Structures are given as C-alpha cells and as structure tokens.
Amino acid sequence: MNGHIEASDEASTPIPDVEVIPDSTILIAGGGPVGLTLATVLAFYGVKSVVLERNATTTRWPKMDLTNVRSMELFRKLGLADELRKQGVPSHLPYPVLISTGLGGPGPIAEWQHGTVDQYRTRVASKNDGSMPLEPWQRISQAVFEKWLKGICDKNPLIDLRFGCKVDGVEDLGDGVRVTTTDVSTGKQGQIASKYLGGCDGGSSRVRRSLGIPLDGGPMPVYVLLVHFKSRDLTRLHKHGRFWHIFFVGETGLGSSIIAQNEKDIFTTHLLLPMDQDCEGIGSEEAVYKALGALYGPYPIKIDEVLVRSTYRPNIAISRSYSGCNGHVYLGGDAAHQNIPTGGYGMNMGIADAFELGWKLAAVVNGHAKPSILNTYEQERRPIAMTSIERSGVHMKVHMEVPGLVEGKVRELDADTEEGRRLRRIVHEHYETHDGENTDLGIEMGYRYTSSIIIPDGTPAPAWEPSTYLPTTFPGCRAPHVFLRDGTSIIDEFGRHYTLVEFCSGEDHGARHLVEAAWRNRVPLKHLALVDEKHARTIYERNLVLVRPDGHVAWRADEVDNVTAATEIIAIISGRKETDSISQRAGAVELVMEQAGGVFAFTSTTGLDTQTAQFELEKMGGFQT
C-alpha cells in the first residue's frame, strides 16, 4: 500500500488527496485509554502508529476508577506500573465499600473492607503459592489515567497523536482501508490509507458502524444521572466513615452511589431514575443531594464546583464480530463490548484487548508471525468479553435483589426494632456472601484463551470459577506469578517476546530444539533456564513452559524430542500452522447463544437489541457518544 492515491474527480465536491501511511505503521481510531494503550504496546515492540482522536483533549468524564490487577501486570511489562501509581490514590489508603440506606441514616448496613495497596503487597509477598497477582490494583480516575497516558505517548517518537481529528468513515480497499477524516477545528476533510486499522473509538464507534457490524445485547431499564463534582465538605460526606464507594439502597434496588475519586475533593454520584423521569428537570446539586440522601431524602452538602454531568442509559452489549475488511480492521474496548460499571471491567477489558491486539500486530509487522495470527484476536478476546460482561450484570443483580430479600421493607432497615435488626442481618449476610464485585480474580486473571495458536496438551481443563484464580500452566492460561529463590518474580524474568521456561534438573528436556526452531523461523525467544527452583516447578507443572508476550501459556510439556517437533510447535504459536484441536476457541459464545435459542440477553438487560449503524440509545451520555 505504499505510494500515493490520487483524488477522484467524479464528484463535484473536490476529494482530498489520500495520505498513505507505510504498511509498517498502524492507524488507530480513538485516543482514549484503549487507543493510547494500543499505541504504547506497539511502540514497546518497535512499531509506529498514528492515533486519530476527535476530541481536542483527553476525557473530562470519570468513567472507570480502578485499574485492576491484570491491567497493572500488563503496565508493569511495559515499564509503566510505578509511574501509573504516582498518578492515583496513595498506596497507604484503604478501599472501603459501604452499603447504606442514605447518609441521613445511622450508618452502613454492610461493608467490604478491601484494605490498601501496601497491605495487598504484603499478601502477595507472604502467599507465594502462585494464586496471587504480581501487582495489586490501583485506584485512579479514567480522566487522570488518560491525561497521564497521553503524556507518555506525546513523548514517544513512534507515536503520532492527532487529537481534534474525527473519523467519519472506513472504506475497504482490499489490501487495506481508507479512512475519511475531519479536522474538528477547521472542518477540513482528509483521507488516510493504511494496511491495518485499530477501531478503539468508543461505544458509538464510527469504525464499527461504517463496517455494518451490529452489537448484540441491550440497555438496562433505567436512566442514570451522573454528577462529577468537587467538595471539601468531608465532615458530612464522611458521616458513615471514609469510603471508596457507597452503594445506597433504593425502593427497587440500587438507588444511587458515590465514588471518592482522589481521596481529597473529587467525587462522582450516580442517581438511578425510572424511565419516565424527567432527568433534565433535576439540577446537578439536587441530584447529588438525592443520591447521598437515598431513602432519607435530600442530604445537602457544600459543592465547590460541578465538573461535568450527564444522563445516560447503561448498556450491556458485544459486537457481533471484532474484525472487518478481510482482516485489516480490528475493534477494541467499548467499540467491541460495553458493560455496566459494576465490577470495573470496562476499561480493564479494553486494556487487555489493546495488549493482545498490539503484540500480534507487532509480530506481523516485524515478521515474527504470519497475518493469520490476527484471526486469533477475536477467537481469544470475544469469549472473555462475554464472560466479563455477564459477570458485571451479576454484580449489579446483587444490589437489585435487596428489596426482594427484605420483602419490600427497605424503609424498615434502620428501624430500632426486632424486625429492623432481622432485615439488616439479611442484607448484611447477603453482601458478605456476594462480595466479589472488585475481587473476582477468576474473571480478572483466571480466564483461559483457546485458539489456533494455543497447543492443547491432552489433559482435561482445570476447573474454573469466577471468584478465584487457580494457578496453572494449562495452555491458554496466564502463567502464574511466583517468587524465585532470589526473591525476583518469575514474570519479571520473562522476555519481551516469547519465553521458554525450563526447569533444569540435570536432564536433557530438548529445550535447545525449541531455541533452534525459533531462531530459524525468526520468532524471538528467550530461554529462561531455572536451576533448583523446585517450588516454582511444582506450580508450573511441567519442565518446559512456552509463554507468549502477553504472559499466557502457548504450550507445555516435560520434553521435546527433536527439532522437527519443535519446528511444528513454533509454527503453530506464530500463526504459520493451525492446530488440529481448536474447536473450543469460541465455544463459550456459541454455547451460550445456542442455549438461549439464538436470542441472548445478558443479566440486567431487558432483552436483545441488534444495534446497527443508525442505532442510538434513548438516552446517551456525553461519554457514550
């Protein structure tokens, strides 16, 4: 695709010349967290990118407020975890979540005490059984996160950021794509041709709609009025104690919530409203008071500044496909999947998308893999998105079930009576039992990829459940973190590209065959030979474990007999040859759809909507467009 495409003179309106970017440069639509992460990953692997973002600056919307453990591990690989933490809530502050009937009431009914990052690190250091993440989570508002990551990208010579450049449409050129653009400040139109395009342009993705790819899913039957504000009225805000989140019980379920964004003066309230409510008739301050007061009526506080407000309709949906234009366009983040805030999966899913797509695109551009490896992006990521989206609905259901559990007697929850105490016990036990909203490590890092570049070893898949991470090197799973005898994490010893972990015991396991095969096929491979690491060997289960750039296991065995066998292994993991046993790769999606008789609705949605190019939610917030 190198060269220059001449403008057509068929139309009366002049068509601008087409800027053709080299095949080795990736075009990215969307400069939010996913697009910026994709650009960062590509640069990490030496690949240039051009990022188009319609907004002149990064987002003002708070959106996501927790970078989860798996995302932090990925940023650690990029060398950015420590710098990211400096932007967020300090490591000595806790992450308490309260359940309340309103700040006008006597106190919380239940609490989830998640502790601090420092305490999390202590647990990681003391529990060296492979079940812990290498990195704790980090509280940071998406508004802060995006600004920080844009600054990182601005300084990288491999990344060309073009903020204020809107994507209008995408055209298939057969061997690539042509993107039409508009300079938001001048109105000048342009066109850019590229071999590969990453569509990371949000929930109303112009890329997805241009390709005619529908979303399956639907909205929740509720409106949410969000107010993001500054307040130093901490005495009244902390009436029930310091908090990260407070979920307020309402008449029909979750009535409202508040998030402490920076442990200083920035907060966000969400007020859930019925579908027939006149949302615009409620002022921002009134909405905050209603959210905080919940069942007790408005709870006034002093608001120093309203930063942004929006009315939106929570939407749970997934793109029918993650790719288009014969494998030259790939969707990531909200362009590919949308979910509600409970669980904090949204942006974190997008970060994992970006890392996955980034290393595979880089492998193709750098000649380390065949383009067919890109087919595995959807094979691997879409079933994981289905699971995570569904789990966010399950977490919301925990809150929505409360009125039913107390037989509709929500206003008696704080009563100083035997009945009030009985109802409080019910709610308290409910939240004690269903406490996985931000701690489901099975969802966050226990997911298992199944695709044509994962080589099964013939053993049964280990049991999986959403709340717990089971350390295993079963092919497709995340390689576990474990501290070696010298105190370093095995993950920190992995290479930038592929890593062959060998547990040496004086026997010949044939590792040299894989090293030779990788070298012959231009697949970068680090041979990590570990001597006398019996504890790590027990957790890693095999003498040889081949780990991909994203930290997931591609293959494992106790030995490889010869270079011919090793060559086939390398060919499969680099997309040069497909495995014979890949039938499960999208099984999660097909099974769910089949069981639903072809009509699928996620938990917390009202049913199935097929959202096509002209689809718009009845209420769409500024951050959803």
Foldseek 3Di string as FASTA:
>chain_A
DPDWDDWDPPDVDTADTAAEDDQQEEEEEALALLRLLLQLLLVLLPTFYEYEAQAQAYDLDQAFFKQALLLLLVVVLSVCNVVLQVLAADQQDWAKEFEAQFLVFDAGLAIDTRGGQVVLCVVCQVDQQLFHGNGGMTTAGSRSVSRVSVVVQVPRPRYHYDYQKHWQAWAQPLQWIKTWIARNVPRDIHIYTYRAYEQAHFQLTRHCQRQWWWKKAFFFQWKKKKWKFWAQQVCSVQSNHDHQKYFHAALQFTAKMKGDRHVGTIMMIIGIGGPPDPVVVADRQLRVQCRRGRPNHGDHDDTPTTSDIWMAIAIWIATPFQDDSVLRYGYAASNGTGADPFLSCRVNLSSVLSNVQSLLSSCCSVQLFPSLVSVQSCLFSVLLRVVVRLVSLVRRVLRSCLCVQLVSVPVLCRPPDPSNVVSSVSNHVSCVVVVQRHQFVCSNAVDFAFAQQADAPPDDDDDGDRRTHDQEQGTRHFHGWGAFPVGDTVSVVADQFKEKEAEDDPDAQAVVLLVVLSVVSVNDYHYHYHYPRVSSCVSHVERIFMAGNSRHTRDGHNHDDHNVSSNVSSCRNRHNDTDPPRVCSNVSVVVQCVVVVNWDYRNSGPTIDTAHSPDDDPGHIPNRD
